[in-house]
Amino acid sequence: MNVDKFPVNDHDMYHAHVYFEQETVTFATMLCEKAAHLFGLSMGRVHRRKIGPHPKWSCQIIFTSNDFNMLIPWLENERNGLTVFVHAVTGNNLKDHTDMAYWLGKPQDLNLSIFKADA
């Protein structure tokens, strides 16, 4: 996993997962809503439980390479200490969540066992 690299715009599609907890759910929700509104992006549900490989509650923002150079610096500046997991969407979930994965903030351990079928 690219734990030391700032996200790189090398792919067509991306997801950004904003991680939060009970204490930060309001801020995280507003952050995702604001990003969706400002950049005309799709925002997923605000999950108040762990879902998929994610070790914390999260909300997903779907974006493309065309949005990347505006969204990523904005998220880095606005995240207020929240961790944001950014990964490519290529169709290979395991590689997307490892080789093509980047972090804004503190990296987290993902539950990659759900992707064993992709290996």
N, C-alpha and C. Protein backbone atom coordinates (compact mmCIF):
# COMPACT_ATOMS: atom_id res chain seq x y z
N MET A 1 0.84 -1.18 0.00
CA MET A 1 0.00 0.00 0.00
C MET A 1 0.88 1.24 0.00
N ASN A 2 0.47 2.27 -0.68
CA ASN A 2 1.25 3.51 -0.81
C ASN A 2 1.02 4.42 0.39
N VAL A 3 1.48 3.99 1.56
CA VAL A 3 1.18 4.73 2.78
C VAL A 3 1.92 6.06 2.88
N ASP A 4 3.01 6.20 2.16
CA ASP A 4 3.80 7.42 2.26
C ASP A 4 3.59 8.37 1.08
N LYS A 5 2.74 8.00 0.15
CA LYS A 5 2.58 8.81 -1.05
C LYS A 5 1.28 9.60 -1.01
N PHE A 6 1.39 10.85 -1.38
CA PHE A 6 0.20 11.67 -1.59
C PHE A 6 -0.49 11.12 -2.83
N PRO A 7 -1.81 11.17 -2.92
CA PRO A 7 -2.51 10.62 -4.08
C PRO A 7 -1.97 11.14 -5.41
N VAL A 8 -1.92 10.24 -6.38
CA VAL A 8 -1.40 10.52 -7.71
C VAL A 8 -2.52 10.32 -8.73
N ASN A 9 -2.63 11.22 -9.68
CA ASN A 9 -3.68 11.17 -10.70
C ASN A 9 -3.21 10.32 -11.89
N ASP A 10 -3.33 9.00 -11.74
CA ASP A 10 -2.87 8.07 -12.77
C ASP A 10 -3.99 7.20 -13.35
N HIS A 11 -5.24 7.41 -12.94
CA HIS A 11 -6.33 6.52 -13.34
C HIS A 11 -7.55 7.34 -13.76
N ASP A 12 -8.53 6.67 -14.33
CA ASP A 12 -9.73 7.36 -14.80
C ASP A 12 -10.74 7.64 -13.69
N MET A 13 -10.93 6.66 -12.79
CA MET A 13 -11.96 6.76 -11.74
C MET A 13 -11.33 6.57 -10.37
N TYR A 14 -11.97 7.21 -9.36
CA TYR A 14 -11.48 7.14 -7.98
C TYR A 14 -12.64 7.14 -7.00
N HIS A 15 -12.33 6.65 -5.81
CA HIS A 15 -13.18 6.83 -4.63
C HIS A 15 -12.33 7.49 -3.56
N ALA A 16 -12.95 8.40 -2.82
CA ALA A 16 -12.35 8.94 -1.61
C ALA A 16 -13.29 8.56 -0.48
N HIS A 17 -12.76 7.89 0.53
CA HIS A 17 -13.55 7.48 1.68
C HIS A 17 -13.11 8.33 2.87
N VAL A 18 -14.00 9.16 3.35
CA VAL A 18 -13.72 10.00 4.50
C VAL A 18 -14.08 9.19 5.74
N TYR A 19 -13.09 8.96 6.62
CA TYR A 19 -13.30 8.18 7.83
C TYR A 19 -13.64 9.10 8.99
N PHE A 20 -14.53 8.62 9.85
CA PHE A 20 -14.96 9.43 10.99
C PHE A 20 -15.46 8.54 12.11
N GLU A 21 -15.76 9.16 13.24
CA GLU A 21 -16.32 8.47 14.42
C GLU A 21 -17.52 9.27 14.89
N GLN A 22 -18.14 8.82 15.95
CA GLN A 22 -19.34 9.49 16.48
C GLN A 22 -19.08 10.98 16.71
N GLU A 23 -17.92 11.31 17.24
CA GLU A 23 -17.60 12.70 17.58
C GLU A 23 -17.42 13.58 16.35
N THR A 24 -17.13 12.98 15.21
CA THR A 24 -16.83 13.77 14.01
C THR A 24 -17.82 13.52 12.88
N VAL A 25 -18.91 12.80 13.15
CA VAL A 25 -19.86 12.46 12.08
C VAL A 25 -20.49 13.71 11.45
N THR A 26 -20.80 14.71 12.24
CA THR A 26 -21.42 15.93 11.69
C THR A 26 -20.45 16.65 10.77
N PHE A 27 -19.21 16.81 11.21
CA PHE A 27 -18.22 17.48 10.38
C PHE A 27 -17.96 16.68 9.10
N ALA A 28 -17.79 15.36 9.22
CA ALA A 28 -17.51 14.52 8.05
C ALA A 28 -18.65 14.59 7.04
N THR A 29 -19.87 14.57 7.53
CA THR A 29 -21.04 14.65 6.65
C THR A 29 -21.03 15.98 5.90
N MET A 30 -20.79 17.07 6.62
CA MET A 30 -20.74 18.39 5.98
C MET A 30 -19.60 18.47 4.97
N LEU A 31 -18.45 17.87 5.29
CA LEU A 31 -17.30 17.87 4.37
C LEU A 31 -17.66 17.15 3.07
N CYS A 32 -18.26 15.98 3.17
CA CYS A 32 -18.62 15.21 1.98
C CYS A 32 -19.70 15.93 1.16
N GLU A 33 -20.68 16.48 1.85
CA GLU A 33 -21.75 17.21 1.15
C GLU A 33 -21.18 18.43 0.44
N LYS A 34 -20.28 19.13 1.09
CA LYS A 34 -19.68 20.32 0.49
C LYS A 34 -18.84 19.95 -0.73
N ALA A 35 -18.07 18.87 -0.63
CA ALA A 35 -17.25 18.42 -1.77
C ALA A 35 -18.16 18.05 -2.94
N ALA A 36 -19.23 17.32 -2.66
CA ALA A 36 -20.16 16.92 -3.72
C ALA A 36 -20.77 18.14 -4.39
N HIS A 37 -21.16 19.11 -3.59
CA HIS A 37 -21.78 20.32 -4.13
C HIS A 37 -20.78 21.17 -4.92
N LEU A 38 -19.63 21.45 -4.32
CA LEU A 38 -18.63 22.32 -4.96
C LEU A 38 -18.11 21.76 -6.28
N PHE A 39 -17.91 20.44 -6.33
CA PHE A 39 -17.27 19.84 -7.49
C PHE A 39 -18.24 19.04 -8.37
N GLY A 40 -19.53 19.04 -8.02
CA GLY A 40 -20.52 18.33 -8.82
C GLY A 40 -20.31 16.82 -8.83
N LEU A 41 -19.99 16.26 -7.66
CA LEU A 41 -19.65 14.84 -7.54
C LEU A 41 -20.77 14.05 -6.87
N SER A 42 -20.68 12.74 -7.00
CA SER A 42 -21.63 11.85 -6.32
C SER A 42 -21.08 11.49 -4.94
N MET A 43 -21.97 11.55 -3.97
CA MET A 43 -21.62 11.21 -2.59
C MET A 43 -22.42 9.98 -2.19
N GLY A 44 -21.75 9.03 -1.56
CA GLY A 44 -22.42 7.84 -1.06
C GLY A 44 -23.08 8.11 0.29
N ARG A 45 -23.66 7.06 0.83
CA ARG A 45 -24.30 7.17 2.15
C ARG A 45 -23.28 7.42 3.24
N VAL A 46 -23.71 8.04 4.30
CA VAL A 46 -22.90 8.21 5.49
C VAL A 46 -23.11 6.95 6.33
N HIS A 47 -22.08 6.10 6.35
CA HIS A 47 -22.17 4.81 7.04
C HIS A 47 -21.72 4.96 8.49
N ARG A 48 -22.65 4.77 9.40
CA ARG A 48 -22.33 4.82 10.84
C ARG A 48 -22.06 3.41 11.35
N ARG A 49 -21.33 2.68 10.55
CA ARG A 49 -20.83 1.36 10.90
C ARG A 49 -19.71 1.04 9.93
N LYS A 50 -18.91 0.06 10.28
CA LYS A 50 -17.84 -0.37 9.37
C LYS A 50 -18.49 -1.10 8.21
N ILE A 51 -18.04 -0.81 7.02
CA ILE A 51 -18.60 -1.44 5.82
C ILE A 51 -17.46 -1.80 4.87
N GLY A 52 -17.60 -2.94 4.19
CA GLY A 52 -16.56 -3.37 3.26
C GLY A 52 -15.23 -3.52 3.96
N PRO A 53 -14.15 -3.05 3.34
CA PRO A 53 -12.82 -3.19 3.95
C PRO A 53 -12.49 -2.08 4.95
N HIS A 54 -13.41 -1.18 5.16
CA HIS A 54 -13.09 0.03 5.92
C HIS A 54 -13.15 -0.19 7.43
N PRO A 55 -12.10 0.24 8.14
CA PRO A 55 -11.99 -0.01 9.57
C PRO A 55 -12.74 1.00 10.45
N LYS A 56 -13.31 2.01 9.82
CA LYS A 56 -14.05 3.04 10.55
C LYS A 56 -15.33 3.36 9.79
N TRP A 57 -16.18 4.11 10.41
CA TRP A 57 -17.35 4.65 9.73
C TRP A 57 -16.83 5.51 8.58
N SER A 58 -17.62 5.60 7.49
CA SER A 58 -17.09 6.34 6.34
C SER A 58 -18.21 6.84 5.43
N CYS A 59 -17.80 7.75 4.58
CA CYS A 59 -18.64 8.25 3.50
C CYS A 59 -17.78 8.31 2.25
N GLN A 60 -18.35 7.89 1.14
CA GLN A 60 -17.61 7.80 -0.12
C GLN A 60 -17.94 8.96 -1.06
N ILE A 61 -16.90 9.47 -1.70
CA ILE A 61 -17.04 10.46 -2.75
C ILE A 61 -16.50 9.82 -4.02
N ILE A 62 -17.29 9.84 -5.09
CA ILE A 62 -16.90 9.24 -6.37
C ILE A 62 -16.45 10.37 -7.29
N PHE A 63 -15.26 10.19 -7.90
CA PHE A 63 -14.76 11.25 -8.77
C PHE A 63 -13.89 10.67 -9.87
N THR A 64 -13.57 11.49 -10.85
CA THR A 64 -12.75 11.07 -11.98
C THR A 64 -11.41 11.79 -11.99
N SER A 65 -10.58 11.41 -12.94
CA SER A 65 -9.28 12.07 -13.09
C SER A 65 -9.46 13.56 -13.41
N ASN A 66 -10.58 13.92 -14.03
CA ASN A 66 -10.84 15.33 -14.34
C ASN A 66 -11.06 16.16 -13.08
N ASP A 67 -11.57 15.52 -12.01
CA ASP A 67 -11.85 16.21 -10.75
C ASP A 67 -10.66 16.16 -9.79
N PHE A 68 -9.75 15.24 -10.03
CA PHE A 68 -8.69 14.90 -9.10
C PHE A 68 -7.87 16.12 -8.64
N ASN A 69 -7.36 16.89 -9.58
CA ASN A 69 -6.42 17.97 -9.24
C ASN A 69 -7.06 19.11 -8.46
N MET A 70 -8.36 19.21 -8.47
CA MET A 70 -9.06 20.21 -7.64
C MET A 70 -9.51 19.59 -6.31
N LEU A 71 -10.05 18.37 -6.37
CA LEU A 71 -10.62 17.75 -5.17
C LEU A 71 -9.57 17.36 -4.14
N ILE A 72 -8.51 16.70 -4.54
CA ILE A 72 -7.54 16.17 -3.57
C ILE A 72 -6.89 17.28 -2.74
N PRO A 73 -6.38 18.35 -3.35
CA PRO A 73 -5.83 19.42 -2.51
C PRO A 73 -6.89 20.06 -1.61
N TRP A 74 -8.12 20.17 -2.12
CA TRP A 74 -9.20 20.73 -1.32
C TRP A 74 -9.48 19.84 -0.11
N LEU A 75 -9.58 18.52 -0.32
CA LEU A 75 -9.79 17.59 0.80
C LEU A 75 -8.64 17.66 1.80
N GLU A 76 -7.42 17.72 1.30
CA GLU A 76 -6.26 17.80 2.19
C GLU A 76 -6.34 19.05 3.08
N ASN A 77 -6.77 20.13 2.50
CA ASN A 77 -6.87 21.39 3.23
C ASN A 77 -8.07 21.44 4.18
N GLU A 78 -9.17 20.81 3.81
CA GLU A 78 -10.43 20.94 4.55
C GLU A 78 -10.73 19.80 5.51
N ARG A 79 -9.99 18.72 5.51
CA ARG A 79 -10.35 17.52 6.26
C ARG A 79 -10.23 17.67 7.78
N ASN A 80 -9.56 18.68 8.26
CA ASN A 80 -9.50 19.00 9.68
C ASN A 80 -9.10 17.80 10.54
N GLY A 81 -8.09 17.08 10.10
CA GLY A 81 -7.57 15.96 10.88
C GLY A 81 -8.21 14.61 10.57
N LEU A 82 -9.29 14.59 9.82
CA LEU A 82 -9.89 13.31 9.45
C LEU A 82 -8.98 12.58 8.46
N THR A 83 -9.03 11.27 8.47
CA THR A 83 -8.30 10.47 7.50
C THR A 83 -9.18 10.27 6.27
N VAL A 84 -8.58 10.41 5.10
CA VAL A 84 -9.29 10.17 3.84
C VAL A 84 -8.49 9.11 3.07
N PHE A 85 -9.16 8.01 2.75
CA PHE A 85 -8.57 6.93 1.97
C PHE A 85 -8.98 7.15 0.52
N VAL A 86 -7.99 7.27 -0.37
CA VAL A 86 -8.22 7.52 -1.79
C VAL A 86 -7.69 6.33 -2.57
N HIS A 87 -8.52 5.81 -3.49
CA HIS A 87 -8.04 4.69 -4.31
C HIS A 87 -8.64 4.75 -5.70
N ALA A 88 -7.91 4.17 -6.64
CA ALA A 88 -8.37 4.04 -8.01
C ALA A 88 -9.51 3.04 -8.07
N VAL A 89 -10.31 3.14 -9.12
CA VAL A 89 -11.38 2.16 -9.38
C VAL A 89 -11.10 1.58 -10.76
N THR A 90 -10.50 0.39 -10.78
CA THR A 90 -10.09 -0.25 -12.04
C THR A 90 -10.84 -1.54 -12.33
N GLY A 91 -11.56 -2.05 -11.33
CA GLY A 91 -12.23 -3.35 -11.48
C GLY A 91 -11.52 -4.46 -10.73
N ASN A 92 -10.30 -4.22 -10.27
CA ASN A 92 -9.59 -5.18 -9.44
C ASN A 92 -9.56 -4.62 -8.03
N ASN A 93 -10.52 -5.03 -7.22
CA ASN A 93 -10.68 -4.46 -5.88
C ASN A 93 -9.45 -4.60 -5.00
N LEU A 94 -8.79 -5.74 -5.06
CA LEU A 94 -7.61 -5.94 -4.22
C LEU A 94 -6.51 -4.95 -4.59
N LYS A 95 -6.20 -4.85 -5.87
CA LYS A 95 -5.16 -3.89 -6.30
C LYS A 95 -5.59 -2.44 -6.05
N ASP A 96 -6.87 -2.15 -6.28
CA ASP A 96 -7.37 -0.79 -6.04
C ASP A 96 -7.15 -0.38 -4.59
N HIS A 97 -7.33 -1.33 -3.66
CA HIS A 97 -7.23 -1.02 -2.24
C HIS A 97 -5.84 -1.25 -1.66
N THR A 98 -4.88 -1.62 -2.52
CA THR A 98 -3.50 -1.81 -2.05
C THR A 98 -2.53 -1.02 -2.94
N ASP A 99 -2.27 -1.52 -4.14
CA ASP A 99 -1.28 -0.89 -5.02
C ASP A 99 -1.68 0.51 -5.48
N MET A 100 -2.97 0.75 -5.60
CA MET A 100 -3.46 2.04 -6.11
C MET A 100 -4.20 2.81 -5.02
N ALA A 101 -3.69 2.67 -3.80
CA ALA A 101 -4.33 3.30 -2.64
C ALA A 101 -3.41 4.35 -2.03
N TYR A 102 -4.02 5.44 -1.57
CA TYR A 102 -3.28 6.55 -1.00
C TYR A 102 -4.04 7.09 0.20
N TRP A 103 -3.37 7.86 1.02
CA TRP A 103 -3.97 8.37 2.25
C TRP A 103 -3.74 9.86 2.42
N LEU A 104 -4.76 10.54 2.86
CA LEU A 104 -4.64 11.90 3.39
C LEU A 104 -4.84 11.71 4.89
N GLY A 105 -3.81 11.93 5.64
CA GLY A 105 -3.89 11.68 7.08
C GLY A 105 -3.29 10.33 7.43
N LYS A 106 -3.65 9.84 8.61
CA LYS A 106 -3.06 8.62 9.15
C LYS A 106 -3.59 7.37 8.44
N PRO A 107 -2.70 6.57 7.84
CA PRO A 107 -3.14 5.32 7.20
C PRO A 107 -3.81 4.39 8.22
N GLN A 108 -4.76 3.61 7.73
CA GLN A 108 -5.50 2.66 8.56
C GLN A 108 -5.31 1.26 7.96
N ASP A 109 -5.48 0.25 8.77
CA ASP A 109 -5.42 -1.12 8.28
C ASP A 109 -6.79 -1.50 7.73
N LEU A 110 -6.83 -1.88 6.46
CA LEU A 110 -8.07 -2.30 5.81
C LEU A 110 -8.28 -3.79 6.00
N ASN A 111 -9.53 -4.22 5.93
CA ASN A 111 -9.86 -5.65 5.95
C ASN A 111 -9.82 -6.15 4.52
N LEU A 112 -8.65 -6.54 4.05
CA LEU A 112 -8.46 -6.96 2.67
C LEU A 112 -8.91 -8.39 2.42
N SER A 113 -9.26 -9.12 3.45
CA SER A 113 -9.68 -10.52 3.28
C SER A 113 -10.94 -10.64 2.42
N ILE A 114 -11.73 -9.59 2.35
CA ILE A 114 -12.95 -9.66 1.55
C ILE A 114 -12.66 -9.66 0.06
N PHE A 115 -11.41 -9.36 -0.33
CA PHE A 115 -11.02 -9.31 -1.73
C PHE A 115 -10.25 -10.54 -2.20
N LYS A 116 -10.17 -11.55 -1.41
CA LYS A 116 -9.38 -12.75 -1.77
C LYS A 116 -9.80 -13.32 -3.12
N ALA A 117 -11.06 -13.22 -3.46
CA ALA A 117 -11.55 -13.76 -4.73
C ALA A 117 -10.95 -13.01 -5.92
N ASP A 118 -10.53 -11.76 -5.71
CA ASP A 118 -9.93 -10.97 -6.79
C ASP A 118 -8.48 -11.36 -7.08
N ALA A 119 -7.85 -12.00 -6.10
CA ALA A 119 -6.41 -12.28 -6.20
C ALA A 119 -6.09 -13.25 -7.31
